[in-house]
């Protein structure tokens, strides 16, 4: 049975240049290719959750500009219920991806900085590419509140589920249940500081890690809402992240539930 999930977060257009290696400060290098993809952590997680079988509502903002329709393409294809403001200019992410799938990302928030606080209730997942007051309002009245604290900054909230990588965990650590990702080494779940589950991802040829964390976050939340055991939910989340890392682009890389099942079966 499909679960209901509201995503409150960012919507961007990703401008992606592929390079052999990431440039050093002050260095100019030649790019290998350039592409545009719908992105934003909120939109990525909304598309991921919908592809994994959830009924998804997306609360966010785009600008009244030509980038808006392009940024919403995959959300519409995934049949996400869009509840959007039109404010300013659409957010943009400038992304460099090297041959080892490492990234450098600069996000220009645009309309994402103008999202109005709302308290949708039910199960909610949000990130930190929108203002603090939006995140805090989303937590109010939620039956289940998950926070992917990226990009990390201190915020006065204790979510039911906190999702962070190792570096983000140094900045944000409060959560009733805390998922920490360790890249290729996998992820662990902690409750009251005690490890309660650990999983490693299946081996893939990584080509682009842009949306791997968003695939992980969405899959973990959806899996827990479906009532799966914590170790199973974490294992599926690691697999979803691995599939995303093996494909180019943010939203085009996000797997379906059947694709997660398939890689876990190999």
Protein backbone atom coordinates (compact mmCIF):
# COMPACT_ATOMS: atom_id res chain seq x y z
CA UNK A 1 0.00 0.00 0.00
CA UNK A 2 1.41 3.40 -0.99
CA UNK A 3 2.43 5.74 1.82
CA UNK A 4 1.79 9.50 1.84
CA UNK A 5 4.74 11.87 2.12
CA UNK A 6 5.05 15.65 1.88
CA UNK A 7 8.37 17.10 0.77
CA UNK A 8 9.05 20.70 1.76
CA UNK A 9 12.16 21.92 0.01
CA UNK A 10 14.15 23.29 -2.87
CA UNK A 11 13.62 23.13 -6.62
CA UNK A 12 16.56 23.98 -8.89
CA UNK A 13 17.80 23.67 -12.41
CA UNK A 14 21.20 21.92 -12.36
CA UNK A 15 23.86 23.15 -14.79
CA UNK A 16 26.36 20.29 -14.94
CA UNK A 17 29.87 20.36 -16.42
CA UNK A 18 31.89 17.14 -16.55
CA UNK A 19 35.65 17.39 -16.06
CA UNK A 20 38.55 14.97 -15.78
CA UNK A 21 39.40 16.42 -12.37
CA UNK A 22 38.04 19.17 -10.16
CA UNK A 23 39.86 22.51 -10.47
CA UNK A 24 41.97 23.99 -7.71
CA UNK A 25 41.31 27.51 -6.42
CA UNK A 26 42.04 30.04 -9.15
CA UNK A 27 42.53 27.37 -11.81
CA UNK A 28 40.73 27.20 -15.17
CA UNK A 29 40.38 23.79 -16.81
CA UNK A 30 38.64 22.45 -19.91
CA UNK A 31 35.29 20.73 -19.50
CA UNK A 32 34.32 17.49 -21.23
CA UNK A 33 30.58 18.16 -21.57
CA UNK A 34 27.72 20.34 -20.35
CA UNK A 35 24.11 19.32 -19.55
CA UNK A 36 21.03 20.70 -17.78
CA UNK A 37 18.93 18.62 -15.41
CA UNK A 38 16.04 19.28 -13.01
CA UNK A 39 17.44 19.29 -9.47
CA UNK A 40 17.28 20.72 -5.97
CA UNK A 41 17.42 18.48 -2.91
CA UNK A 42 13.70 18.85 -2.25
CA UNK A 43 12.68 18.08 -5.81
CA UNK A 44 15.19 15.23 -6.05
CA UNK A 45 13.78 13.61 -2.94
CA UNK A 46 10.19 14.13 -4.10
CA UNK A 47 10.89 12.45 -7.45
CA UNK A 48 12.80 9.66 -5.71
CA UNK A 49 9.99 8.98 -3.24
CA UNK A 50 7.38 8.95 -6.02
CA UNK A 51 9.43 6.49 -8.09
CA UNK A 52 9.72 4.31 -5.00
CA UNK A 53 5.92 4.11 -4.82
CA UNK A 54 4.91 6.85 -2.37
CA UNK A 55 2.11 9.37 -2.94
CA UNK A 56 4.07 12.60 -2.83
CA UNK A 57 3.16 16.24 -2.32
CA UNK A 58 5.84 18.87 -3.00
CA UNK A 59 5.80 22.30 -1.33
CA UNK A 60 8.31 24.80 -2.73
CA UNK A 61 8.87 27.72 -5.08
CA UNK A 62 10.12 28.46 -8.57
CA UNK A 63 10.56 31.73 -10.41
CA UNK A 64 8.46 33.27 -13.16
CA UNK A 65 11.19 32.58 -15.71
CA UNK A 66 12.05 30.07 -18.49
CA UNK A 67 13.99 27.84 -16.06
CA UNK A 68 10.84 27.02 -14.06
CA UNK A 69 9.20 24.61 -16.52
CA UNK A 70 12.51 22.84 -17.09
CA UNK A 71 13.08 22.48 -13.34
CA UNK A 72 9.61 20.93 -12.87
CA UNK A 73 9.79 18.38 -15.70
CA UNK A 74 10.59 15.25 -13.70
CA UNK A 75 8.28 16.19 -10.83
CA UNK A 76 5.42 16.33 -13.30
CA UNK A 77 6.44 13.07 -14.96
CA UNK A 78 6.51 11.41 -11.52
CA UNK A 79 2.98 12.73 -10.85
CA UNK A 80 4.01 14.61 -7.74
CA UNK A 81 1.24 16.86 -6.37
CA UNK A 82 2.81 20.31 -6.78
CA UNK A 83 1.87 23.08 -4.33
CA UNK A 84 4.19 25.85 -5.46
CA UNK A 85 4.74 29.57 -5.18
CA UNK A 86 6.01 31.67 -8.08
CA UNK A 87 8.60 34.02 -6.62
CA UNK A 88 11.70 35.76 -7.98
CA UNK A 89 13.93 33.57 -10.13
CA UNK A 90 14.23 29.78 -10.19
CA UNK A 91 17.08 28.36 -8.10
CA UNK A 92 20.17 27.18 -9.93
CA UNK A 93 22.95 24.75 -9.00
CA UNK A 94 26.33 24.94 -10.72
CA UNK A 95 27.83 21.45 -10.58
CA UNK A 96 31.21 20.03 -11.58
CA UNK A 97 31.53 16.23 -11.78
CA UNK A 98 34.94 14.59 -12.25
CA UNK A 99 35.96 11.17 -13.57
CA UNK A 100 35.86 9.72 -10.05
CA UNK A 101 32.24 10.93 -9.59
CA UNK A 102 33.34 13.53 -7.04
CA UNK A 103 31.48 16.84 -7.22
CA UNK A 104 31.79 20.54 -6.50
CA UNK A 105 28.43 22.29 -6.19
CA UNK A 106 27.42 25.94 -5.83
CA UNK A 107 23.71 26.57 -5.19
CA UNK A 108 22.10 29.93 -5.94
CA UNK A 109 18.78 29.62 -4.06
CA UNK A 110 16.62 32.15 -5.90
CA UNK A 111 12.95 31.37 -5.21
CA UNK A 112 13.90 28.71 -2.65
CA UNK A 113 14.87 31.48 -0.22
CA UNK A 114 11.34 32.90 -0.52
CA UNK A 115 9.31 29.76 0.33
CA UNK A 116 6.56 30.64 2.83
CA UNK A 117 6.39 28.56 6.06
CA UNK A 118 3.63 25.93 6.11
CA UNK A 119 2.67 23.07 8.41
CA UNK A 120 1.30 20.33 6.15
CA UNK A 121 1.00 17.64 8.85
CA UNK A 122 1.33 13.92 8.21
CA UNK A 123 4.72 12.53 7.22
CA UNK A 124 7.13 15.28 6.17
CA UNK A 125 10.67 15.28 4.78
CA UNK A 126 12.65 18.47 4.39
CA UNK A 127 16.23 19.66 3.89
CA UNK A 128 18.22 22.84 4.56
CA UNK A 129 18.11 24.46 1.11
CA UNK A 130 15.13 26.50 2.37
CA UNK A 131 15.02 28.98 5.30
CA UNK A 132 15.00 27.77 8.91
CA UNK A 133 11.48 29.09 9.51
CA UNK A 134 10.21 26.90 6.67
CA UNK A 135 11.85 23.82 8.20
CA UNK A 136 10.53 24.61 11.70
CA UNK A 137 7.00 25.20 10.41
CA UNK A 138 7.12 21.90 8.49
CA UNK A 139 7.98 20.11 11.73
CA UNK A 140 4.97 21.51 13.56
CA UNK A 141 2.06 19.07 13.63
CA UNK A 142 3.89 16.41 11.63
CA UNK A 143 3.12 12.80 12.55
CA UNK A 144 6.64 11.90 11.36
CA UNK A 145 9.26 14.54 10.63
CA UNK A 146 12.48 13.71 8.79
CA UNK A 147 15.26 16.21 8.21
CA UNK A 148 18.10 15.74 5.75
CA UNK A 149 20.40 18.38 7.27
CA UNK A 150 22.13 19.41 4.05
CA UNK A 151 23.73 21.80 3.52
CA UNK A 152 24.48 21.56 7.23
CA UNK A 153 23.90 24.42 9.66
CA UNK A 154 22.77 24.48 13.29
CA UNK A 155 18.98 24.41 13.63
CA UNK A 156 16.85 24.13 16.77
CA UNK A 157 14.72 21.09 16.01
CA UNK A 158 14.80 17.40 16.95
CA UNK A 159 13.38 15.39 14.05
CA UNK A 160 12.04 11.88 14.31
CA UNK A 161 14.70 10.98 11.74
CA UNK A 162 17.86 12.97 11.05
CA UNK A 163 19.81 12.10 7.89
CA UNK A 164 23.39 13.40 7.59
CA UNK A 165 26.77 12.47 6.19
CA UNK A 166 29.87 12.36 8.39
CA UNK A 167 30.72 16.04 7.97
CA UNK A 168 27.12 17.19 8.40
CA UNK A 169 26.88 15.11 11.57
CA UNK A 170 29.58 17.30 13.13
CA UNK A 171 27.22 20.29 12.72
CA UNK A 172 23.77 18.71 13.27
CA UNK A 173 23.39 15.69 15.54
CA UNK A 174 19.96 15.91 17.24
CA UNK A 175 17.43 13.32 16.19
CA UNK A 176 15.36 10.57 17.79
CA UNK A 177 16.79 8.30 15.10
CA UNK A 178 19.96 9.39 13.29
CA UNK A 179 21.16 8.01 9.95
CA UNK A 180 24.80 8.76 9.12
CA UNK A 181 26.18 8.00 5.66
CA UNK A 182 29.82 7.13 5.01
CA UNK A 183 30.01 7.16 1.21
CA UNK A 184 31.15 3.86 -0.27
CA UNK A 185 31.43 2.43 3.28
CA UNK A 186 27.63 2.55 3.65
CA UNK A 187 25.54 3.96 6.49
CA UNK A 188 24.51 3.39 10.10
CA UNK A 189 21.45 4.15 12.21
CA UNK A 190 21.80 5.41 15.77
CA UNK A 191 19.24 5.70 18.56
CA UNK A 192 20.26 7.51 21.76
CA UNK A 193 23.85 7.36 20.50
CA UNK A 194 23.73 3.56 20.14
CA UNK A 195 24.12 1.92 16.74
CA UNK A 196 20.98 -0.06 15.89
CA UNK A 197 21.62 -0.91 12.23
CA UNK A 198 24.40 -0.80 9.63
CA UNK A 199 24.45 -1.51 5.90
CA UNK A 200 26.84 -1.33 2.97
CA UNK A 201 25.84 -0.48 -0.60
CA UNK A 202 26.10 -2.92 -3.49
CA UNK A 203 29.16 -2.44 -5.69
CA UNK A 204 28.57 -0.19 -8.71
CA UNK A 205 30.66 1.83 -11.14
CA UNK A 206 30.07 5.32 -9.75
CA UNK A 207 29.85 8.07 -12.38
CA UNK A 208 27.93 10.90 -10.66
CA UNK A 209 27.21 11.25 -6.95
CA UNK A 210 25.01 14.36 -7.26
CA UNK A 211 21.73 12.72 -6.20
CA UNK A 212 23.01 9.65 -4.35
CA UNK A 213 22.31 11.24 -0.97
CA UNK A 214 18.82 12.28 -2.04
CA UNK A 215 18.03 8.77 -3.27
CA UNK A 216 19.27 7.42 0.07
CA UNK A 217 17.20 9.89 2.11
CA UNK A 218 13.97 9.33 0.18
CA UNK A 219 14.32 5.55 0.20
CA UNK A 220 15.05 5.43 3.93
CA UNK A 221 12.02 7.57 4.77
CA UNK A 222 9.67 5.68 2.43
CA UNK A 223 10.93 2.31 3.67
CA UNK A 224 10.40 3.26 7.33
CA UNK A 225 6.94 4.63 6.57
CA UNK A 226 6.13 1.33 4.86
CA UNK A 227 6.85 -0.39 8.16
CA UNK A 228 10.06 -2.13 7.12
CA UNK A 229 12.56 -3.16 9.79
CA UNK A 230 15.33 -0.64 10.36
CA UNK A 231 18.10 -2.84 8.96
CA UNK A 232 16.06 -3.61 5.84
CA UNK A 233 15.17 0.08 5.37
CA UNK A 234 18.83 1.08 5.68
CA UNK A 235 19.94 -1.64 3.26
CA UNK A 236 17.40 -0.46 0.68
CA UNK A 237 18.46 3.16 1.15
CA UNK A 238 22.11 2.27 0.53
CA UNK A 239 21.09 0.39 -2.60
CA UNK A 240 19.05 3.33 -3.90
CA UNK A 241 22.02 5.65 -3.37
CA UNK A 242 24.31 3.25 -5.21
CA UNK A 243 21.99 3.03 -8.21
CA UNK A 244 21.79 6.82 -8.39
CA UNK A 245 25.59 7.15 -8.23
CA UNK A 246 25.92 4.77 -11.19
CA UNK A 247 23.96 7.11 -13.50
CA UNK A 248 24.42 10.62 -14.82
CA UNK A 249 22.30 13.58 -13.74
CA UNK A 250 20.33 14.22 -10.57
CA UNK A 251 16.70 13.29 -11.16
CA UNK A 252 17.34 11.05 -14.21
CA UNK A 253 19.50 8.87 -11.93
CA UNK A 254 16.85 8.15 -9.29
CA UNK A 255 15.73 4.50 -9.13
CA UNK A 256 12.32 2.88 -8.94
CA UNK A 257 11.40 0.37 -6.24
CA UNK A 258 11.83 -2.49 -8.72
CA UNK A 259 15.33 -1.29 -9.59
CA UNK A 260 16.24 -1.25 -5.90
CA UNK A 261 14.83 -4.75 -5.53
CA UNK A 262 16.82 -5.92 -8.55
CA UNK A 263 20.20 -4.67 -7.36
CA UNK A 264 19.61 -6.13 -3.91
CA UNK A 265 18.86 -9.49 -5.50
CA UNK A 266 22.19 -9.63 -7.37
